[in-house]
Every structure is written in structure tokens, then in C-alpha cells.
Protein backbone atom coordinates (compact mmCIF):
# COMPACT_ATOMS: atom_id res chain seq x y z
CA MET A 1 -100.96 2.50 -35.66
CA VAL A 2 -98.00 4.79 -33.98
CA GLU A 3 -97.44 8.42 -34.34
CA VAL A 4 -93.51 9.19 -34.18
CA VAL A 5 -93.86 12.77 -33.21
CA ASP A 6 -89.67 12.91 -32.47
CA THR A 7 -87.58 11.00 -34.80
CA LYS A 8 -83.62 12.90 -34.48
CA GLU A 9 -80.71 10.10 -33.41
CA LYS A 10 -78.21 11.50 -30.91
CA GLY A 11 -75.83 9.28 -32.74
CA SER A 12 -73.85 8.62 -29.65
CA ASP A 13 -74.26 4.55 -30.78
CA VAL A 14 -71.66 5.97 -34.09
CA THR A 15 -70.12 8.09 -31.83
CA LEU A 16 -69.03 4.81 -29.78
CA ALA A 17 -68.21 2.76 -32.51
CA THR A 18 -66.44 5.08 -34.13
CA TYR A 19 -63.79 5.72 -31.41
CA LEU A 20 -64.60 1.44 -30.21
CA LEU A 21 -63.06 0.83 -33.25
CA ILE A 22 -60.17 4.29 -33.95
CA ASP A 23 -58.80 3.49 -30.43
CA GLY A 24 -58.51 -0.22 -31.03
CA PHE A 25 -56.44 0.40 -34.33
CA ASN A 26 -54.24 2.95 -32.20
CA LYS A 27 -53.89 0.37 -29.67
CA ASP A 28 -55.04 2.35 -26.79
CA TYR A 29 -56.67 -0.27 -24.99
CA LYS A 30 -56.13 -3.78 -23.79
CA MET A 31 -59.70 -4.96 -23.43
CA ALA A 32 -63.33 -2.97 -24.29
CA VAL A 33 -65.94 -2.99 -21.59
CA VAL A 34 -68.91 -1.01 -23.76
CA ILE A 35 -71.92 -0.15 -21.04
CA SER A 36 -75.13 -0.52 -23.74
CA ASP A 37 -77.79 -3.11 -24.41
CA ASP A 38 -78.19 -1.55 -27.82
CA SER A 39 -78.34 -4.32 -30.78
CA ASP A 40 -76.23 -1.61 -33.31
CA LEU A 41 -72.98 -2.01 -31.78
CA ALA A 42 -73.21 -5.82 -32.33
CA GLU A 43 -71.31 -5.20 -35.28
CA PRO A 44 -68.29 -2.85 -34.02
CA ILE A 45 -67.36 -5.37 -31.31
CA LYS A 46 -67.15 -8.38 -33.49
CA LEU A 47 -64.98 -6.37 -35.78
CA THR A 48 -63.23 -5.59 -32.92
CA ILE A 49 -62.64 -9.02 -31.47
CA GLU A 50 -62.64 -10.53 -35.13
CA GLN A 51 -60.65 -8.38 -36.95
CA LEU A 52 -57.89 -6.35 -34.12
CA GLY A 53 -58.27 -9.53 -32.00
CA LEU A 54 -59.03 -7.27 -28.78
CA PRO A 55 -61.22 -8.54 -26.64
CA VAL A 56 -64.77 -6.31 -25.80
CA GLY A 57 -67.28 -7.63 -23.07
CA VAL A 58 -70.74 -5.75 -22.49
CA LEU A 59 -72.13 -4.77 -19.32
CA HIS A 60 -75.75 -4.29 -20.08
CA PRO A 61 -78.09 -1.70 -18.08
CA SER A 62 -81.34 -2.75 -18.04
CA ARG A 63 -83.45 -5.55 -17.38
CA THR A 64 -83.81 -6.39 -21.20
CA HIS A 65 -81.04 -8.49 -22.81
CA SER A 66 -79.80 -8.33 -26.55
CA ALA A 67 -79.44 -11.35 -27.79
CA GLN A 68 -77.20 -10.19 -30.85
CA LEU A 69 -74.54 -8.14 -27.92
CA SER A 70 -74.44 -11.16 -26.53
CA GLN A 71 -73.17 -13.45 -29.13
CA VAL A 72 -70.82 -11.96 -29.80
CA ALA A 73 -69.02 -10.07 -26.68
CA LYS A 74 -66.41 -12.01 -25.57
CA PHE A 75 -68.72 -11.71 -21.78
CA TYR A 76 -72.08 -10.44 -21.12
CA ARG A 77 -73.14 -9.11 -17.74
CA PRO A 78 -75.88 -7.17 -16.15
CA ILE A 79 -74.57 -4.19 -13.96
CA ARG A 80 -75.98 -4.83 -10.49
CA GLU A 81 -78.38 -2.59 -8.95
CA ARG A 82 -76.63 -1.97 -6.03
CA ALA A 83 -73.00 -1.33 -7.55
CA LEU A 84 -74.75 1.40 -9.56
CA LYS A 85 -76.55 3.09 -6.32
CA VAL A 86 -73.07 2.89 -4.73
CA SER A 87 -71.51 4.54 -7.71
CA LEU A 88 -73.46 7.35 -8.08
CA PHE A 89 -72.24 11.01 -7.15
CA SER A 90 -73.77 13.01 -4.06
CA THR A 91 -76.94 14.88 -4.63
CA ASN A 92 -75.42 18.15 -4.61
CA LEU A 93 -72.01 19.05 -6.44
CA ARG A 94 -69.58 21.80 -6.69
CA ASP A 95 -67.87 23.42 -9.57
CA VAL A 96 -66.33 26.76 -9.75
CA ASN A 97 -69.54 27.85 -11.22
CA GLY A 98 -71.82 26.73 -8.64
CA VAL A 99 -73.89 23.98 -7.24
CA ILE A 100 -74.95 21.31 -9.40
CA THR A 101 -77.97 19.37 -8.18
CA LYS A 102 -79.23 15.82 -9.31
CA PRO A 103 -82.59 15.36 -10.34
CA ALA A 104 -85.22 14.13 -7.81
CA VAL A 105 -86.28 11.41 -10.43
CA TRP A 106 -82.89 10.05 -10.17
């Protein structure tokens, strides 16, 4: 048994699925790439490919593997750690409000 303390859902998977489909219906892209390993996205990805005829690939950011996503996506690949490292922003960024510092744990 495990006690769940916080059951809030951010809804980010629903938002991503919604815009994947809406933007697809509007022909706002020729191909979509989803960065996730959330199997909840399998059905909207499948519908986008089958019903709208738009290719959708998935880049998964973790070492885990979603069988559902790998089966429906046109391609399914890990994001290489080296690619992530060279894509990071600087430790400190400046905007009109001042300096933004990246957390040490990143």
C-alpha cells in the first residue's frame, strides 16, 4: 500500500494532445515531433496519423520506453544526452527584470 499525498494533474498531456489535433486540422504543420514518453498521448498521435494523414514522431527524453508510443509514432527515438547538454541555456540569463539563474540541480 502507498499513500498518495498529491493527486493534482497538470493537464500538460491533454493540452499537448489538443493542440496536436487542432493544429493538425488547421494544417499548421507538415510533421509534428512530440517530446514525451507519456503513453496517454498514444491515441491523439494515432488519430493525427490515421485521420489527418500527418506524420508524428516521438523523441523520448528518459531511459524508459513507452511501448504504446513506439507502436503508433512514425518514428520513436531517444534524445541523446550529448544533444541535451549542448542545447542548454547559459547558467545565467538576463531580461528586463534582471538575472535569471538556472537551479544548481540541473
